[in-house]
Amino acid sequence: MTEPVVEVITQSAIESRIRELGNQISVDFEGRFPIFVAVLHGALPFLADLVRAIPAELDVDFLALSRFGEGGRVRIAMDTLTSLEGRHVVIVEDIVDTGLTLNVLRRMIEMRDVASLSTATLIDKASRRLVETPLEYRGFEVGDEFLLGYGMDWDGRFRNLASIWAVLDLPAFSEDPAVLSRLALADPGDSLST
């Protein structure tokens, strides 16, 4: 029987790619003092690993977005504590798909008279893009799979997984989401055969 989820990006692949992104960002921001603004909650693991991969002085802050109304308009539910005026801002996202939310967020931040604005995302679902949006730092481009782990969740669960998993059979997974815990958190030495 095929499992309803499969690991698509390993922990070692994530670690390696984040080191590469950290090196690239270090070069691009040499001599500047950037502020990394993570979009809560999904971007938290990526942010933590990314800033540790940058051997330079930087600042970190957070914001949270929410949707309201019939059109799903985006608003800032929790704003940064730090003023972004005159700062070199790097928005940190876990995943970008249609680009609609990120475009709105970029416009909101640009209105704060920032010195520069960049986006770093771990996952880019470019095939789902409805509007073009700049992604200066991109970890992995993926298809249209529903992804979990490394910040991405199912009703708040599985953000803590060190790798990224794709849901192949949504109805089966919905019936038994714990299957992901059994697979992702299994001891590699355990035998799956009976």
N, C-alpha and C. Protein backbone atom coordinates (compact mmCIF):
# COMPACT_ATOMS: atom_id res chain seq x y z
N MET A 1 0.84 -1.18 0.00
CA MET A 1 0.00 0.00 0.00
C MET A 1 0.89 1.25 0.00
N THR A 2 0.57 2.19 -0.83
CA THR A 2 1.32 3.44 -0.91
C THR A 2 0.89 4.37 0.21
N GLU A 3 1.86 4.99 0.85
CA GLU A 3 1.56 5.94 1.92
C GLU A 3 0.96 7.21 1.33
N PRO A 4 0.09 7.91 2.08
CA PRO A 4 -0.52 9.15 1.57
C PRO A 4 0.42 10.35 1.58
N VAL A 5 1.60 10.21 2.20
CA VAL A 5 2.59 11.29 2.26
C VAL A 5 3.96 10.74 1.89
N VAL A 6 4.79 11.61 1.34
CA VAL A 6 6.15 11.21 0.98
C VAL A 6 7.09 12.38 1.25
N GLU A 7 8.28 12.06 1.73
CA GLU A 7 9.28 13.10 1.96
C GLU A 7 9.80 13.58 0.61
N VAL A 8 9.76 14.90 0.39
CA VAL A 8 10.20 15.44 -0.90
C VAL A 8 11.46 16.30 -0.80
N ILE A 9 11.73 16.87 0.36
CA ILE A 9 12.96 17.63 0.56
C ILE A 9 13.53 17.23 1.91
N THR A 10 14.70 16.62 1.89
CA THR A 10 15.31 16.10 3.12
C THR A 10 15.89 17.21 3.98
N GLN A 11 16.13 16.88 5.22
CA GLN A 11 16.74 17.82 6.15
C GLN A 11 18.11 18.26 5.64
N SER A 12 18.91 17.33 5.13
CA SER A 12 20.25 17.70 4.65
C SER A 12 20.18 18.61 3.43
N ALA A 13 19.20 18.40 2.56
CA ALA A 13 19.04 19.28 1.39
C ALA A 13 18.64 20.69 1.84
N ILE A 14 17.77 20.78 2.84
CA ILE A 14 17.35 22.09 3.36
C ILE A 14 18.55 22.80 3.97
N GLU A 15 19.30 22.09 4.80
CA GLU A 15 20.47 22.70 5.45
C GLU A 15 21.48 23.20 4.42
N SER A 16 21.73 22.40 3.40
CA SER A 16 22.70 22.78 2.37
C SER A 16 22.23 24.02 1.60
N ARG A 17 20.97 24.03 1.22
CA ARG A 17 20.45 25.16 0.45
C ARG A 17 20.44 26.44 1.28
N ILE A 18 20.12 26.33 2.56
CA ILE A 18 20.10 27.51 3.42
C ILE A 18 21.52 28.07 3.58
N ARG A 19 22.52 27.20 3.68
CA ARG A 19 23.91 27.69 3.74
C ARG A 19 24.24 28.47 2.47
N GLU A 20 23.82 27.97 1.31
CA GLU A 20 24.05 28.67 0.04
C GLU A 20 23.36 30.03 0.03
N LEU A 21 22.10 30.07 0.47
CA LEU A 21 21.37 31.34 0.53
C LEU A 21 22.03 32.31 1.49
N GLY A 22 22.48 31.81 2.63
CA GLY A 22 23.16 32.65 3.61
C GLY A 22 24.43 33.27 3.03
N ASN A 23 25.18 32.48 2.29
CA ASN A 23 26.39 33.00 1.64
C ASN A 23 26.04 34.08 0.62
N GLN A 24 25.02 33.83 -0.19
CA GLN A 24 24.61 34.79 -1.20
C GLN A 24 24.14 36.10 -0.57
N ILE A 25 23.33 35.99 0.47
CA ILE A 25 22.83 37.18 1.15
C ILE A 25 23.98 37.95 1.81
N SER A 26 24.93 37.23 2.39
CA SER A 26 26.10 37.88 3.02
C SER A 26 26.85 38.73 2.01
N VAL A 27 27.04 38.20 0.82
CA VAL A 27 27.75 38.94 -0.23
C VAL A 27 26.91 40.14 -0.67
N ASP A 28 25.62 39.92 -0.90
CA ASP A 28 24.75 40.99 -1.40
C ASP A 28 24.60 42.14 -0.41
N PHE A 29 24.65 41.84 0.89
CA PHE A 29 24.43 42.88 1.89
C PHE A 29 25.71 43.27 2.62
N GLU A 30 26.85 42.98 2.04
CA GLU A 30 28.12 43.33 2.68
C GLU A 30 28.16 44.84 2.94
N GLY A 31 28.53 45.18 4.18
CA GLY A 31 28.63 46.59 4.56
C GLY A 31 27.30 47.24 4.92
N ARG A 32 26.20 46.49 4.85
CA ARG A 32 24.89 47.02 5.22
C ARG A 32 24.37 46.27 6.45
N PHE A 33 23.35 46.79 7.06
CA PHE A 33 22.78 46.21 8.28
C PHE A 33 21.31 45.87 8.00
N PRO A 34 21.07 44.70 7.40
CA PRO A 34 19.69 44.37 7.01
C PRO A 34 18.83 43.96 8.20
N ILE A 35 17.53 44.07 7.99
CA ILE A 35 16.57 43.56 8.96
C ILE A 35 15.74 42.48 8.26
N PHE A 36 15.68 41.33 8.87
CA PHE A 36 14.92 40.20 8.33
C PHE A 36 13.57 40.19 9.03
N VAL A 37 12.51 40.29 8.24
CA VAL A 37 11.15 40.34 8.77
C VAL A 37 10.44 39.05 8.38
N ALA A 38 10.23 38.20 9.37
CA ALA A 38 9.59 36.91 9.12
C ALA A 38 8.09 37.03 9.22
N VAL A 39 7.40 36.37 8.29
CA VAL A 39 5.95 36.31 8.30
C VAL A 39 5.56 35.09 9.13
N LEU A 40 4.91 35.36 10.27
CA LEU A 40 4.54 34.28 11.19
C LEU A 40 3.34 33.50 10.65
N HIS A 41 3.28 32.24 10.95
CA HIS A 41 4.10 31.43 11.81
C HIS A 41 5.02 30.52 11.01
N GLY A 42 4.67 30.28 9.78
CA GLY A 42 5.37 29.28 8.98
C GLY A 42 6.83 29.57 8.71
N ALA A 43 7.23 30.83 8.65
CA ALA A 43 8.59 31.17 8.28
C ALA A 43 9.59 31.04 9.43
N LEU A 44 9.12 30.76 10.63
CA LEU A 44 10.00 30.77 11.79
C LEU A 44 11.18 29.79 11.68
N PRO A 45 10.99 28.52 11.32
CA PRO A 45 12.16 27.64 11.20
C PRO A 45 13.15 28.11 10.14
N PHE A 46 12.63 28.56 9.00
CA PHE A 46 13.49 29.05 7.93
C PHE A 46 14.27 30.27 8.39
N LEU A 47 13.60 31.21 9.04
CA LEU A 47 14.27 32.40 9.54
C LEU A 47 15.40 32.03 10.49
N ALA A 48 15.11 31.17 11.45
CA ALA A 48 16.12 30.80 12.46
C ALA A 48 17.37 30.23 11.80
N ASP A 49 17.18 29.32 10.87
CA ASP A 49 18.34 28.70 10.21
C ASP A 49 19.03 29.67 9.26
N LEU A 50 18.25 30.50 8.57
CA LEU A 50 18.82 31.43 7.61
C LEU A 50 19.72 32.46 8.29
N VAL A 51 19.24 33.08 9.36
CA VAL A 51 20.06 34.12 10.00
C VAL A 51 21.31 33.53 10.65
N ARG A 52 21.24 32.27 11.08
CA ARG A 52 22.45 31.63 11.62
C ARG A 52 23.46 31.34 10.51
N ALA A 53 23.01 31.30 9.27
CA ALA A 53 23.90 31.03 8.13
C ALA A 53 24.51 32.31 7.57
N ILE A 54 24.22 33.45 8.19
CA ILE A 54 24.73 34.74 7.71
C ILE A 54 25.71 35.30 8.74
N PRO A 55 27.00 35.26 8.44
CA PRO A 55 28.00 35.73 9.40
C PRO A 55 28.18 37.25 9.33
N ALA A 56 27.13 37.97 9.63
CA ALA A 56 27.19 39.43 9.57
C ALA A 56 26.19 39.98 10.57
N GLU A 57 26.34 41.25 10.90
CA GLU A 57 25.40 41.88 11.81
C GLU A 57 24.08 42.09 11.09
N LEU A 58 22.99 41.73 11.76
CA LEU A 58 21.66 41.88 11.18
C LEU A 58 20.66 42.05 12.30
N ASP A 59 19.45 42.36 11.92
CA ASP A 59 18.36 42.53 12.87
C ASP A 59 17.22 41.61 12.45
N VAL A 60 16.37 41.25 13.38
CA VAL A 60 15.25 40.34 13.11
C VAL A 60 13.98 40.93 13.72
N ASP A 61 12.87 40.82 13.00
CA ASP A 61 11.58 41.21 13.53
C ASP A 61 10.52 40.32 12.89
N PHE A 62 9.28 40.48 13.30
CA PHE A 62 8.20 39.60 12.86
C PHE A 62 6.95 40.42 12.56
N LEU A 63 6.11 39.84 11.70
CA LEU A 63 4.77 40.35 11.51
C LEU A 63 3.87 39.19 11.18
N ALA A 64 2.58 39.41 11.37
CA ALA A 64 1.59 38.38 11.05
C ALA A 64 0.52 39.01 10.19
N LEU A 65 0.02 38.24 9.25
CA LEU A 65 -1.01 38.70 8.33
C LEU A 65 -2.31 37.97 8.60
N SER A 66 -3.42 38.62 8.25
CA SER A 66 -4.72 37.94 8.30
C SER A 66 -5.53 38.39 7.10
N ARG A 67 -6.50 37.58 6.75
CA ARG A 67 -7.40 37.89 5.65
C ARG A 67 -8.77 38.22 6.23
N PHE A 68 -9.46 39.13 5.57
CA PHE A 68 -10.81 39.48 6.02
C PHE A 68 -11.64 39.88 4.82
N GLY A 69 -12.95 39.87 5.01
CA GLY A 69 -13.88 40.28 3.96
C GLY A 69 -14.04 39.23 2.89
N GLU A 70 -14.96 39.50 1.99
CA GLU A 70 -15.28 38.54 0.93
C GLU A 70 -14.15 38.35 -0.06
N GLY A 71 -13.39 39.39 -0.32
CA GLY A 71 -12.28 39.29 -1.27
C GLY A 71 -11.02 38.73 -0.66
N GLY A 72 -11.07 38.39 0.65
CA GLY A 72 -9.89 37.88 1.31
C GLY A 72 -8.78 38.91 1.39
N ARG A 73 -9.17 40.17 1.60
CA ARG A 73 -8.17 41.24 1.68
C ARG A 73 -7.19 40.96 2.80
N VAL A 74 -5.94 41.33 2.56
CA VAL A 74 -4.86 41.07 3.51
C VAL A 74 -4.65 42.31 4.37
N ARG A 75 -4.48 42.07 5.66
CA ARG A 75 -4.10 43.16 6.56
C ARG A 75 -3.04 42.64 7.51
N ILE A 76 -2.32 43.56 8.11
CA ILE A 76 -1.30 43.19 9.08
C ILE A 76 -1.99 43.01 10.43
N ALA A 77 -1.92 41.79 10.95
CA ALA A 77 -2.55 41.48 12.24
C ALA A 77 -1.60 41.79 13.39
N MET A 78 -0.31 41.62 13.17
CA MET A 78 0.71 41.97 14.16
C MET A 78 1.86 42.62 13.39
N ASP A 79 2.18 43.84 13.75
CA ASP A 79 3.20 44.59 13.02
C ASP A 79 4.57 44.44 13.68
N THR A 80 5.59 44.84 12.94
CA THR A 80 6.94 44.83 13.48
C THR A 80 7.05 45.82 14.64
N LEU A 81 7.95 45.52 15.55
CA LEU A 81 8.22 46.44 16.65
C LEU A 81 9.27 47.47 16.24
N THR A 82 10.06 47.13 15.23
CA THR A 82 11.13 47.98 14.74
C THR A 82 10.64 48.83 13.58
N SER A 83 11.03 50.09 13.56
CA SER A 83 10.73 50.93 12.40
C SER A 83 11.54 50.43 11.20
N LEU A 84 10.90 50.35 10.06
CA LEU A 84 11.57 49.88 8.85
C LEU A 84 12.06 51.03 7.97
N GLU A 85 11.77 52.25 8.36
CA GLU A 85 12.16 53.41 7.55
C GLU A 85 13.68 53.46 7.41
N GLY A 86 14.12 53.57 6.16
CA GLY A 86 15.54 53.66 5.86
C GLY A 86 16.32 52.36 6.01
N ARG A 87 15.63 51.26 6.27
CA ARG A 87 16.29 49.97 6.50
C ARG A 87 16.33 49.13 5.23
N HIS A 88 17.28 48.21 5.17
CA HIS A 88 17.36 47.21 4.11
C HIS A 88 16.58 45.99 4.60
N VAL A 89 15.38 45.83 4.08
CA VAL A 89 14.44 44.83 4.59
C VAL A 89 14.47 43.57 3.72
N VAL A 90 14.55 42.43 4.38
CA VAL A 90 14.40 41.14 3.70
C VAL A 90 13.18 40.46 4.32
N ILE A 91 12.12 40.32 3.52
CA ILE A 91 10.93 39.59 3.95
C ILE A 91 11.28 38.10 3.89
N VAL A 92 10.96 37.37 4.95
CA VAL A 92 11.24 35.94 5.00
C VAL A 92 9.91 35.19 5.03
N GLU A 93 9.70 34.37 4.00
CA GLU A 93 8.47 33.57 3.86
C GLU A 93 8.83 32.09 3.83
N ASP A 94 7.91 31.26 4.29
CA ASP A 94 8.12 29.83 4.15
C ASP A 94 7.78 29.37 2.74
N ILE A 95 6.71 29.93 2.16
CA ILE A 95 6.24 29.46 0.86
C ILE A 95 5.55 30.60 0.12
N VAL A 96 5.79 30.69 -1.17
CA VAL A 96 5.11 31.67 -2.02
C VAL A 96 4.44 30.87 -3.13
N ASP A 97 3.14 31.08 -3.30
CA ASP A 97 2.46 30.38 -4.39
C ASP A 97 1.86 31.37 -5.38
N THR A 98 0.67 31.89 -5.16
CA THR A 98 0.05 32.77 -6.16
C THR A 98 0.78 34.11 -6.28
N GLY A 99 1.44 34.54 -5.21
CA GLY A 99 2.13 35.82 -5.21
C GLY A 99 1.24 36.97 -4.76
N LEU A 100 -0.06 36.74 -4.63
CA LEU A 100 -0.99 37.81 -4.29
C LEU A 100 -0.70 38.40 -2.91
N THR A 101 -0.58 37.55 -1.91
CA THR A 101 -0.32 38.03 -0.55
C THR A 101 1.02 38.73 -0.46
N LEU A 102 2.04 38.14 -1.07
CA LEU A 102 3.37 38.74 -1.01
C LEU A 102 3.39 40.10 -1.70
N ASN A 103 2.69 40.24 -2.81
CA ASN A 103 2.64 41.54 -3.49
C ASN A 103 2.02 42.61 -2.60
N VAL A 104 0.94 42.27 -1.91
CA VAL A 104 0.30 43.22 -1.00
C VAL A 104 1.26 43.57 0.12
N LEU A 105 1.92 42.58 0.69
CA LEU A 105 2.86 42.83 1.78
C LEU A 105 4.02 43.70 1.32
N ARG A 106 4.55 43.43 0.14
CA ARG A 106 5.66 44.24 -0.37
C ARG A 106 5.23 45.70 -0.53
N ARG A 107 4.03 45.92 -1.06
CA ARG A 107 3.54 47.31 -1.20
C ARG A 107 3.42 48.00 0.16
N MET A 108 2.91 47.27 1.15
CA MET A 108 2.76 47.83 2.49
C MET A 108 4.12 48.24 3.07
N ILE A 109 5.11 47.40 2.87
CA ILE A 109 6.44 47.68 3.42
C ILE A 109 7.13 48.78 2.62
N GLU A 110 6.98 48.78 1.30
CA GLU A 110 7.59 49.84 0.48
C GLU A 110 7.07 51.22 0.89
N MET A 111 5.83 51.31 1.35
CA MET A 111 5.25 52.59 1.76
C MET A 111 5.91 53.13 3.02
N ARG A 112 6.74 52.34 3.66
CA ARG A 112 7.42 52.78 4.89
C ARG A 112 8.79 53.40 4.59
N ASP A 113 9.04 53.73 3.34
CA ASP A 113 10.29 54.38 2.94
C ASP A 113 11.52 53.56 3.32
N VAL A 114 11.50 52.29 2.96
CA VAL A 114 12.65 51.44 3.23
C VAL A 114 13.77 51.75 2.24
N ALA A 115 15.00 51.47 2.62
CA ALA A 115 16.15 51.70 1.73
C ALA A 115 16.16 50.69 0.60
N SER A 116 15.81 49.44 0.91
CA SER A 116 15.70 48.40 -0.11
C SER A 116 14.79 47.31 0.42
N LEU A 117 14.26 46.51 -0.51
CA LEU A 117 13.33 45.44 -0.13
C LEU A 117 13.61 44.21 -0.96
N SER A 118 13.81 43.08 -0.28
CA SER A 118 14.05 41.80 -0.92
C SER A 118 13.15 40.76 -0.26
N THR A 119 13.00 39.63 -0.93
CA THR A 119 12.24 38.53 -0.36
C THR A 119 13.06 37.26 -0.42
N ALA A 120 13.05 36.52 0.69
CA ALA A 120 13.66 35.20 0.75
C ALA A 120 12.55 34.22 1.09
N THR A 121 12.40 33.20 0.26
CA THR A 121 11.41 32.17 0.53
C THR A 121 12.06 30.80 0.43
N LEU A 122 11.67 29.90 1.29
CA LEU A 122 12.21 28.55 1.21
C LEU A 122 11.59 27.81 0.03
N ILE A 123 10.28 27.94 -0.14
CA ILE A 123 9.55 27.20 -1.17
C ILE A 123 8.89 28.16 -2.14
N ASP A 124 9.09 27.90 -3.42
CA ASP A 124 8.46 28.68 -4.48
C ASP A 124 7.59 27.75 -5.32
N LYS A 125 6.28 27.98 -5.27
CA LYS A 125 5.34 27.25 -6.12
C LYS A 125 5.07 28.11 -7.36
N ALA A 126 6.08 28.24 -8.20
CA ALA A 126 6.02 29.13 -9.36
C ALA A 126 4.88 28.78 -10.30
N SER A 127 4.53 27.50 -10.39
CA SER A 127 3.46 27.08 -11.31
C SER A 127 2.10 27.63 -10.88
N ARG A 128 1.96 28.06 -9.64
CA ARG A 128 0.69 28.61 -9.15
C ARG A 128 0.64 30.13 -9.20
N ARG A 129 1.69 30.77 -9.67
CA ARG A 129 1.80 32.23 -9.64
C ARG A 129 0.70 32.87 -10.48
N LEU A 130 -0.04 33.79 -9.87
CA LEU A 130 -1.06 34.57 -10.57
C LEU A 130 -0.55 35.97 -10.89
N VAL A 131 0.35 36.48 -10.05
CA VAL A 131 0.96 37.79 -10.29
C VAL A 131 2.46 37.66 -10.11
N GLU A 132 3.19 38.36 -10.94
CA GLU A 132 4.64 38.34 -10.81
C GLU A 132 5.04 39.09 -9.55
N THR A 133 5.96 38.51 -8.84
CA THR A 133 6.47 39.14 -7.63
C THR A 133 7.94 38.79 -7.48
N PRO A 134 8.76 39.74 -7.11
CA PRO A 134 10.19 39.46 -7.00
C PRO A 134 10.51 38.48 -5.88
N LEU A 135 11.32 37.49 -6.18
CA LEU A 135 11.85 36.55 -5.19
C LEU A 135 13.36 36.54 -5.38
N GLU A 136 14.04 37.37 -4.63
CA GLU A 136 15.48 37.49 -4.80
C GLU A 136 16.24 36.27 -4.29
N TYR A 137 15.70 35.62 -3.26
CA TYR A 137 16.36 34.46 -2.66
C TYR A 137 15.33 33.34 -2.54
N ARG A 138 15.58 32.26 -3.25
CA ARG A 138 14.60 31.17 -3.34
C ARG A 138 15.29 29.85 -3.04
N GLY A 139 14.71 29.10 -2.12
CA GLY A 139 15.28 27.82 -1.74
C GLY A 139 15.03 26.73 -2.76
N PHE A 140 13.76 26.35 -2.92
CA PHE A 140 13.39 25.25 -3.80
C PHE A 140 12.14 25.61 -4.59
N GLU A 141 12.13 25.27 -5.86
CA GLU A 141 10.92 25.40 -6.66
C GLU A 141 10.24 24.05 -6.69
N VAL A 142 8.95 24.03 -6.38
CA VAL A 142 8.19 22.79 -6.34
C VAL A 142 6.94 22.92 -7.20
N GLY A 143 6.23 21.82 -7.36
CA GLY A 143 4.98 21.82 -8.11
C GLY A 143 3.82 22.26 -7.23
N ASP A 144 2.68 21.66 -7.44
CA ASP A 144 1.45 22.08 -6.78
C ASP A 144 1.10 21.20 -5.57
N GLU A 145 2.05 20.46 -5.05
CA GLU A 145 1.79 19.56 -3.94
C GLU A 145 1.41 20.32 -2.68
N PHE A 146 0.59 19.68 -1.84
CA PHE A 146 0.31 20.22 -0.51
C PHE A 146 1.46 19.78 0.38
N LEU A 147 2.19 20.75 0.96
CA LEU A 147 3.42 20.45 1.69
C LEU A 147 3.24 20.66 3.19
N LEU A 148 3.97 19.84 3.95
CA LEU A 148 3.96 19.91 5.40
C LEU A 148 5.39 19.77 5.91
N GLY A 149 5.61 20.31 7.10
CA GLY A 149 6.92 20.21 7.74
C GLY A 149 7.73 21.48 7.55
N TYR A 150 8.75 21.63 8.37
CA TYR A 150 9.65 22.76 8.34
C TYR A 150 8.89 24.10 8.28
N GLY A 151 7.92 24.22 9.17
CA GLY A 151 7.13 25.44 9.29
C GLY A 151 5.75 25.36 8.67
N MET A 152 5.55 24.48 7.72
CA MET A 152 4.25 24.35 7.07
C MET A 152 3.40 23.33 7.83
N ASP A 153 2.12 23.65 7.99
CA ASP A 153 1.33 22.87 8.94
C ASP A 153 0.03 22.33 8.36
N TRP A 154 -0.55 21.45 9.15
CA TRP A 154 -1.90 20.92 8.96
C TRP A 154 -2.62 21.18 10.29
N ASP A 155 -3.49 22.17 10.30
CA ASP A 155 -4.20 22.55 11.54
C ASP A 155 -3.23 22.75 12.70
N GLY A 156 -2.11 23.39 12.42
CA GLY A 156 -1.13 23.69 13.46
C GLY A 156 -0.13 22.59 13.75
N ARG A 157 -0.30 21.44 13.14
CA ARG A 157 0.60 20.30 13.39
C ARG A 157 1.68 20.21 12.32
N PHE A 158 2.77 19.60 12.68
CA PHE A 158 3.88 19.21 11.79
C PHE A 158 4.83 20.34 11.42
N ARG A 159 4.69 21.53 12.00
CA ARG A 159 5.64 22.61 11.72
C ARG A 159 7.05 22.24 12.16
N ASN A 160 7.17 21.37 13.15
CA ASN A 160 8.45 21.04 13.75
C ASN A 160 9.24 19.98 12.99
N LEU A 161 8.70 19.42 11.92
CA LEU A 161 9.45 18.40 11.18
C LEU A 161 10.65 19.03 10.49
N ALA A 162 11.76 18.32 10.49
CA ALA A 162 13.02 18.85 9.96
C ALA A 162 13.12 18.75 8.44
N SER A 163 12.20 18.01 7.84
CA SER A 163 12.18 17.87 6.38
C SER A 163 10.79 18.25 5.88
N ILE A 164 10.62 18.23 4.55
CA ILE A 164 9.35 18.63 3.95
C ILE A 164 8.70 17.43 3.28
N TRP A 165 7.42 17.29 3.52
CA TRP A 165 6.63 16.15 3.04
C TRP A 165 5.50 16.64 2.16
N ALA A 166 5.20 15.87 1.11
CA ALA A 166 4.07 16.16 0.22
C ALA A 166 2.94 15.20 0.51
N VAL A 167 1.72 15.73 0.53
CA VAL A 167 0.53 14.90 0.70
C VAL A 167 0.11 14.43 -0.68
N LEU A 168 0.14 13.13 -0.90
CA LEU A 168 -0.22 12.55 -2.19
C LEU A 168 -1.69 12.15 -2.26
N ASP A 169 -2.26 11.80 -1.13
CA ASP A 169 -3.65 11.35 -1.07
C ASP A 169 -4.32 12.11 0.07
N LEU A 170 -4.93 13.25 -0.26
CA LEU A 170 -5.51 14.13 0.76
C LEU A 170 -6.64 13.45 1.54
N PRO A 171 -7.58 12.73 0.90
CA PRO A 171 -8.62 12.07 1.69
C PRO A 171 -8.05 11.05 2.69
N ALA A 172 -7.09 10.25 2.27
CA ALA A 172 -6.49 9.27 3.18
C ALA A 172 -5.74 9.97 4.30
N PHE A 173 -5.01 11.03 3.96
CA PHE A 173 -4.28 11.77 4.98
C PHE A 173 -5.24 12.43 5.96
N SER A 174 -6.35 12.98 5.47
CA SER A 174 -7.34 13.62 6.33
C SER A 174 -7.92 12.65 7.34
N GLU A 175 -8.08 11.40 6.94
CA GLU A 175 -8.60 10.37 7.84
C GLU A 175 -7.60 10.00 8.92
N ASP A 176 -6.31 10.07 8.59
CA ASP A 176 -5.27 9.65 9.54
C ASP A 176 -4.03 10.53 9.40
N PRO A 177 -4.11 11.80 9.86
CA PRO A 177 -2.93 12.66 9.74
C PRO A 177 -1.74 12.18 10.55
N ALA A 178 -1.98 11.33 11.56
CA ALA A 178 -0.88 10.82 12.38
C ALA A 178 0.08 9.94 11.58
N VAL A 179 -0.34 9.54 10.36
CA VAL A 179 0.57 8.75 9.52
C VAL A 179 1.86 9.52 9.27
N LEU A 180 1.78 10.83 9.18
CA LEU A 180 2.98 11.62 8.95
C LEU A 180 3.92 11.54 10.16
N SER A 181 3.37 11.60 11.35
CA SER A 181 4.20 11.45 12.55
C SER A 181 4.87 10.08 12.56
N ARG A 182 4.12 9.06 12.23
CA ARG A 182 4.70 7.70 12.24
C ARG A 182 5.84 7.58 11.24
N LEU A 183 5.72 8.22 10.08
CA LEU A 183 6.76 8.14 9.07
C LEU A 183 7.93 9.08 9.36
N ALA A 184 7.62 10.33 9.67
CA ALA A 184 8.66 11.34 9.82
C ALA A 184 9.44 11.21 11.11
N LEU A 185 8.79 10.73 12.14
CA LEU A 185 9.44 10.65 13.44
C LEU A 185 9.89 9.24 13.80
N ALA A 186 9.79 8.34 12.84
CA ALA A 186 10.22 6.95 13.07
C ALA A 186 11.73 6.88 13.20
N ASP A 187 12.18 6.02 14.05
CA ASP A 187 13.62 5.77 14.19
C ASP A 187 14.10 5.08 12.92
N PRO A 188 15.12 5.62 12.23
CA PRO A 188 15.59 5.00 10.99
C PRO A 188 16.03 3.56 11.17
N GLY A 189 16.35 3.18 12.40
CA GLY A 189 16.76 1.80 12.66
C GLY A 189 15.60 0.85 12.80
N ASP A 190 14.39 1.41 13.00
CA ASP A 190 13.20 0.56 13.12
C ASP A 190 12.87 -0.09 11.80
N SER A 191 12.45 -1.32 11.86
CA SER A 191 12.01 -2.02 10.66
C SER A 191 10.53 -1.76 10.45
N LEU A 192 10.16 -1.42 9.22
CA LEU A 192 8.75 -1.20 8.93
C LEU A 192 8.04 -2.50 8.57
N SER A 193 8.80 -3.56 8.41
CA SER A 193 8.16 -4.83 8.07
C SER A 193 7.77 -5.55 9.36
N THR A 194 6.78 -6.45 9.23
CA THR A 194 6.30 -7.17 10.42
C THR A 194 6.91 -8.53 10.51
